[in-house]
Amino acid sequence: MNGQEQVIIDLLKNGDNRAYKYLYDHHYAILCRIAYEFLKDDFLAQSVADDLIMHIYENRESLTITSPIRTYLVRAVKNRCINHLQLEREKKEISFSALEKPCPDLPDADEYPLANLIEREMEDEVKNAVNKLPAECRVVFEKSRFEGKSYQEIASDLNISVNTVKYHIKNALATLRKNLAEYL
């Protein structure tokens, strides 16, 4: 890191607007481009870059940058994009164990026989979709979602690696998401 960058870092720590203008003028476009490569959304990419600079401003007193500024910013944007993608993936992951319970949005089955029929039809579709999974994939998925076993427990039970368990769960969820799209 050169002397000029150290001056900029010191100005950032002091909340000097010129230093933040420097970040926007010299680094913002590349940060947006990098974020876009991860997120494939212009607005979201700009939001990530903006949030990073705002985070630097809000945490300026404790700011510690030991590498070149661009290296620090690029790494921070990548990490923020990866975190965003992981959160999105977690939001999309389906908890099929919740489908075992009656759907709270449906009317009481005793009062409305149609609700009972819809619930049974939905359960049947889920069971059929699970049964169509490849054998090992289905076993792994059922142990995870219906028996509540951890990846490590499944790996021990089936004498496979934890990574293989993760692979099967990922494939099962993708297949079920596709096959049950009209119900989700």
Protein backbone atom coordinates (compact mmCIF):
# COMPACT_ATOMS: atom_id res chain seq x y z
CA MET A 1 0.00 0.00 0.00
CA ASN A 2 1.43 3.37 -0.98
CA GLY A 3 1.45 6.63 0.96
CA GLN A 4 -1.42 8.16 -1.01
CA GLU A 5 -3.68 5.25 -0.09
CA GLN A 6 -2.77 5.60 3.58
CA VAL A 7 -3.78 9.27 3.39
CA ILE A 8 -7.13 8.26 1.84
CA ILE A 9 -7.68 5.63 4.55
CA ASP A 10 -6.94 8.24 7.23
CA LEU A 11 -9.40 10.64 5.57
CA LEU A 12 -12.02 7.85 5.43
CA LYS A 13 -11.52 7.24 9.16
CA ASN A 14 -12.04 10.95 9.81
CA GLY A 15 -15.25 11.00 7.75
CA ASP A 16 -13.82 13.37 5.14
CA ASN A 17 -16.28 13.67 2.24
CA ARG A 18 -13.43 13.99 -0.27
CA ALA A 19 -12.26 10.48 0.57
CA TYR A 20 -15.75 9.05 0.03
CA LYS A 21 -16.04 10.96 -3.24
CA TYR A 22 -12.71 9.37 -4.20
CA LEU A 23 -14.18 5.90 -3.51
CA TYR A 24 -17.13 6.66 -5.76
CA ASP A 25 -15.05 8.24 -8.51
CA HIS A 26 -12.31 5.60 -8.62
CA HIS A 27 -13.87 2.36 -7.41
CA TYR A 28 -17.68 2.46 -7.57
CA ALA A 29 -18.04 1.40 -11.23
CA ILE A 30 -15.80 -1.64 -10.83
CA LEU A 31 -17.54 -2.62 -7.59
CA CYS A 32 -20.91 -2.48 -9.35
CA ARG A 33 -19.56 -4.57 -12.23
CA ILE A 34 -18.17 -7.22 -9.88
CA ALA A 35 -21.42 -7.33 -7.91
CA TYR A 36 -23.37 -7.67 -11.14
CA GLU A 37 -21.28 -10.69 -12.16
CA PHE A 38 -22.44 -12.42 -8.98
CA LEU A 39 -26.02 -11.16 -8.74
CA LYS A 40 -27.05 -10.56 -12.37
CA ASP A 41 -29.17 -7.59 -11.28
CA ASP A 42 -28.10 -3.98 -11.88
CA PHE A 43 -30.14 -2.48 -9.06
CA LEU A 44 -29.02 -5.09 -6.57
CA ALA A 45 -25.38 -4.71 -7.66
CA GLN A 46 -25.54 -0.96 -7.13
CA SER A 47 -27.22 -1.48 -3.76
CA VAL A 48 -24.43 -3.79 -2.63
CA ALA A 49 -21.76 -1.28 -3.69
CA ASP A 50 -23.65 1.58 -2.02
CA ASP A 51 -24.14 -0.45 1.16
CA LEU A 52 -20.44 -1.24 1.31
CA ILE A 53 -19.45 2.41 1.11
CA MET A 54 -22.13 3.29 3.67
CA HIS A 55 -20.82 0.52 5.93
CA ILE A 56 -17.30 1.96 5.65
CA TYR A 57 -18.66 5.38 6.61
CA GLU A 58 -20.70 4.05 9.55
CA ASN A 59 -17.75 2.02 10.88
CA ARG A 60 -15.03 4.51 10.02
CA GLU A 61 -13.64 4.77 13.55
CA SER A 62 -12.81 1.06 13.65
CA LEU A 63 -11.82 0.83 9.98
CA THR A 64 -8.75 -1.34 9.41
CA ILE A 65 -7.48 -1.61 5.86
CA THR A 66 -4.06 -3.20 5.50
CA SER A 67 -4.20 -4.07 1.80
CA PRO A 68 -4.59 -1.74 -1.18
CA ILE A 69 -7.99 -0.02 -1.10
CA ARG A 70 -9.22 -1.62 -4.33
CA THR A 71 -8.28 -5.09 -3.09
CA TYR A 72 -10.13 -4.46 0.16
CA LEU A 73 -13.23 -3.13 -1.62
CA VAL A 74 -13.34 -5.94 -4.19
CA ARG A 75 -13.03 -8.59 -1.48
CA ALA A 76 -15.75 -6.88 0.58
CA VAL A 77 -18.14 -6.69 -2.40
CA LYS A 78 -17.54 -10.35 -3.26
CA ASN A 79 -18.22 -11.36 0.34
CA ARG A 80 -21.41 -9.29 0.44
CA CYS A 81 -22.61 -10.85 -2.81
CA ILE A 82 -21.87 -14.36 -1.58
CA ASN A 83 -23.72 -13.63 1.67
CA HIS A 84 -26.69 -12.29 -0.28
CA LEU A 85 -26.80 -15.37 -2.52
CA GLN A 86 -26.60 -17.69 0.49
CA LEU A 87 -29.48 -15.88 2.17
CA GLU A 88 -31.56 -16.11 -1.00
CA ARG A 89 -30.84 -19.83 -1.28
CA GLU A 90 -31.88 -20.36 2.33
CA LYS A 91 -35.12 -18.47 1.73
CA LYS A 92 -35.91 -20.71 -1.24
CA GLU A 93 -35.12 -23.97 0.54
CA ILE A 94 -38.34 -25.77 1.16
CA SER A 95 -39.12 -27.28 4.51
CA PHE A 96 -41.18 -30.30 3.54
CA SER A 97 -41.66 -31.31 7.13
CA ALA A 98 -43.99 -28.33 7.42
CA LEU A 99 -46.21 -29.92 4.79
CA GLU A 100 -46.93 -32.81 7.16
CA LYS A 101 -48.98 -30.44 9.31
CA PRO A 102 -52.34 -29.10 8.09
CA CYS A 103 -51.95 -25.89 6.15
CA PRO A 104 -53.10 -23.01 8.40
CA ASP A 105 -54.52 -21.09 5.44
CA LEU A 106 -57.04 -23.81 4.64
CA PRO A 107 -60.42 -23.89 6.35
CA ASP A 108 -61.11 -26.57 8.98
CA ALA A 109 -61.57 -29.92 7.22
CA ASP A 110 -64.65 -30.82 9.30
CA GLU A 111 -66.45 -27.69 8.13
CA TYR A 112 -65.17 -27.81 4.56
CA PRO A 113 -64.62 -31.23 2.99
CA LEU A 114 -62.94 -29.54 0.02
CA ALA A 115 -60.14 -28.34 2.31
CA ASN A 116 -59.50 -31.93 3.40
CA LEU A 117 -59.44 -33.05 -0.24
CA ILE A 118 -56.99 -30.30 -1.20
CA GLU A 119 -54.74 -31.15 1.75
CA ARG A 120 -54.69 -34.85 0.85
CA GLU A 121 -54.04 -34.05 -2.81
CA MET A 122 -51.12 -31.84 -1.86
CA GLU A 123 -49.67 -34.49 0.45
CA ASP A 124 -50.04 -37.10 -2.31
CA GLU A 125 -48.24 -34.85 -4.81
CA VAL A 126 -45.36 -34.32 -2.39
CA LYS A 127 -45.12 -38.07 -1.69
CA ASN A 128 -45.23 -38.88 -5.42
CA ALA A 129 -42.55 -36.31 -6.18
CA VAL A 130 -40.34 -37.69 -3.38
CA ASN A 131 -40.92 -41.26 -4.62
CA LYS A 132 -39.78 -40.27 -8.12
CA LEU A 133 -36.36 -39.24 -6.80
CA PRO A 134 -33.46 -41.63 -7.51
CA ALA A 135 -33.25 -44.27 -4.75
CA GLU A 136 -30.19 -43.04 -2.84
CA CYS A 137 -31.24 -39.43 -3.24
CA ARG A 138 -34.73 -40.26 -1.90
CA VAL A 139 -33.33 -42.14 1.12
CA VAL A 140 -31.02 -39.26 2.00
CA PHE A 141 -33.81 -36.71 1.57
CA GLU A 142 -36.30 -38.68 3.69
CA LYS A 143 -33.75 -39.12 6.49
CA SER A 144 -33.06 -35.39 6.43
CA ARG A 145 -36.54 -33.98 6.10
CA PHE A 146 -38.85 -36.60 7.56
CA GLU A 147 -36.64 -38.21 10.20
CA GLY A 148 -34.90 -34.96 11.15
CA LYS A 149 -31.40 -36.43 10.99
CA SER A 150 -28.31 -34.27 10.58
CA TYR A 151 -26.05 -34.59 7.55
CA GLN A 152 -23.44 -36.29 9.73
CA GLU A 153 -25.95 -38.84 11.05
CA ILE A 154 -27.14 -39.62 7.52
CA ALA A 155 -23.58 -40.02 6.31
CA SER A 156 -22.87 -42.47 9.15
CA ASP A 157 -26.10 -44.42 8.58
CA LEU A 158 -25.51 -44.81 4.85
CA ASN A 159 -21.71 -45.05 4.98
CA ILE A 160 -21.26 -42.09 2.61
CA SER A 161 -19.50 -38.74 2.98
CA VAL A 162 -21.20 -35.60 4.28
CA ASN A 163 -20.51 -33.97 0.91
CA THR A 164 -22.43 -36.77 -0.80
CA VAL A 165 -25.33 -36.13 1.57
CA LYS A 166 -25.23 -32.42 0.72
CA TYR A 167 -25.13 -33.27 -2.99
CA HIS A 168 -28.22 -35.50 -2.72
CA ILE A 169 -30.16 -32.93 -0.66
CA LYS A 170 -29.33 -30.20 -3.18
CA ASN A 171 -30.45 -32.36 -6.10
CA ALA A 172 -33.59 -33.50 -4.30
CA LEU A 173 -34.64 -29.93 -3.50
CA ALA A 174 -34.00 -28.78 -7.06
CA THR A 175 -36.02 -31.66 -8.49
CA LEU A 176 -38.87 -31.21 -6.02
CA ARG A 177 -38.94 -27.45 -6.59
CA LYS A 178 -39.32 -28.13 -10.30
CA ASN A 179 -41.90 -30.93 -9.95
CA LEU A 180 -44.01 -29.12 -7.35
CA ALA A 181 -43.79 -25.64 -8.87
CA GLU A 182 -47.56 -25.34 -9.35
CA TYR A 183 -48.13 -25.96 -5.64
CA LEU A 184 -45.47 -23.61 -4.31
